[in-house]
């Protein structure tokens, strides 16, 4: 069977499938001057994002950060803040 194409109807619009844009995730920022190196934030992080490097907490697995805020809450020195990155 041969189909008939009607020329008087507009073509459907072409849609391009796109992956949803991920919103920027906050990243932990350590104020090295305020960090005492106690390691409480390292132990508290459920994703293993932080490690002590030269007695200062450092984010080493930033892509695993879920922005839960536990490290900031547990830091007795208030040395951790978060910043959103693109």
Protein backbone atom coordinates (compact mmCIF):
# COMPACT_ATOMS: atom_id res chain seq x y z
CA UNK A 1 0.00 0.00 0.00
CA UNK A 2 1.28 3.41 -0.96
CA UNK A 3 0.74 6.26 1.48
CA UNK A 4 -0.40 9.68 0.43
CA UNK A 5 1.43 12.69 1.80
CA UNK A 6 -0.70 15.75 2.17
CA UNK A 7 1.27 18.90 1.36
CA UNK A 8 -1.25 21.27 2.91
CA UNK A 9 -0.45 20.24 6.49
CA UNK A 10 2.59 21.61 8.25
CA UNK A 11 5.39 19.29 9.23
CA UNK A 12 5.65 18.51 12.92
CA UNK A 13 8.37 20.52 14.66
CA UNK A 14 11.68 18.78 15.09
CA UNK A 15 12.60 18.23 18.72
CA UNK A 16 16.09 17.62 19.92
CA UNK A 17 16.39 15.43 22.97
CA UNK A 18 18.64 17.05 25.53
CA UNK A 19 19.85 15.80 28.81
CA UNK A 20 18.59 17.91 31.68
CA UNK A 21 21.10 20.43 32.88
CA UNK A 22 22.38 19.54 36.28
CA UNK A 23 22.14 22.32 38.78
CA UNK A 24 25.45 23.30 40.32
CA UNK A 25 26.23 21.46 43.52
CA UNK A 26 27.78 23.32 46.43
CA UNK A 27 31.35 22.34 47.17
CA UNK A 28 33.01 22.46 50.59
CA UNK A 29 35.56 25.21 51.02
CA UNK A 30 38.02 24.88 53.89
CA UNK A 31 39.50 27.98 55.50
CA UNK A 32 42.98 26.60 56.12
CA UNK A 33 43.79 29.32 58.64
CA UNK A 34 40.86 28.28 60.83
CA UNK A 35 41.09 24.49 60.38
CA UNK A 36 42.62 22.83 63.46
CA UNK A 37 43.17 19.50 61.70
CA UNK A 38 41.02 17.62 64.20
CA UNK A 39 39.47 15.42 61.48
CA UNK A 40 35.92 15.59 62.83
CA UNK A 41 34.60 16.73 59.45
CA UNK A 42 36.51 13.93 57.69
CA UNK A 43 34.90 11.33 59.95
CA UNK A 44 31.47 12.97 59.69
CA UNK A 45 31.29 13.14 55.89
CA UNK A 46 29.12 10.24 54.73
CA UNK A 47 30.54 10.38 51.18
CA UNK A 48 34.27 10.45 52.00
CA UNK A 49 34.76 13.80 50.31
CA UNK A 50 37.24 15.17 52.86
CA UNK A 51 40.67 13.98 53.95
CA UNK A 52 43.38 15.43 56.14
CA UNK A 53 46.30 16.62 54.04
CA UNK A 54 49.23 18.07 56.01
CA UNK A 55 46.94 18.35 59.06
CA UNK A 56 44.32 20.40 57.18
CA UNK A 57 40.98 19.09 55.91
CA UNK A 58 40.82 19.11 52.13
CA UNK A 59 38.06 18.13 49.69
CA UNK A 60 39.61 15.33 47.65
CA UNK A 61 36.50 13.73 46.14
CA UNK A 62 34.42 16.83 45.37
CA UNK A 63 32.33 15.07 42.71
CA UNK A 64 30.95 12.78 45.42
CA UNK A 65 29.70 15.70 47.55
CA UNK A 66 25.93 15.65 48.04
CA UNK A 67 25.85 19.04 49.80
CA UNK A 68 24.37 17.50 52.95
CA UNK A 69 26.14 20.09 55.13
CA UNK A 70 27.30 17.57 57.73
CA UNK A 71 30.91 18.70 57.50
CA UNK A 72 29.94 22.32 58.17
CA UNK A 73 27.69 21.36 61.08
CA UNK A 74 30.33 19.16 62.72
CA UNK A 75 33.34 21.46 62.30
CA UNK A 76 34.04 22.88 65.77
CA UNK A 77 36.12 25.70 64.28
CA UNK A 78 33.54 26.88 61.72
CA UNK A 79 36.22 26.51 59.05
CA UNK A 80 33.97 25.02 56.36
CA UNK A 81 31.66 26.89 54.02
CA UNK A 82 30.08 25.90 50.74
CA UNK A 83 30.24 27.53 47.33
CA UNK A 84 28.15 26.70 44.28
CA UNK A 85 30.11 25.92 41.14
CA UNK A 86 28.90 25.56 37.55
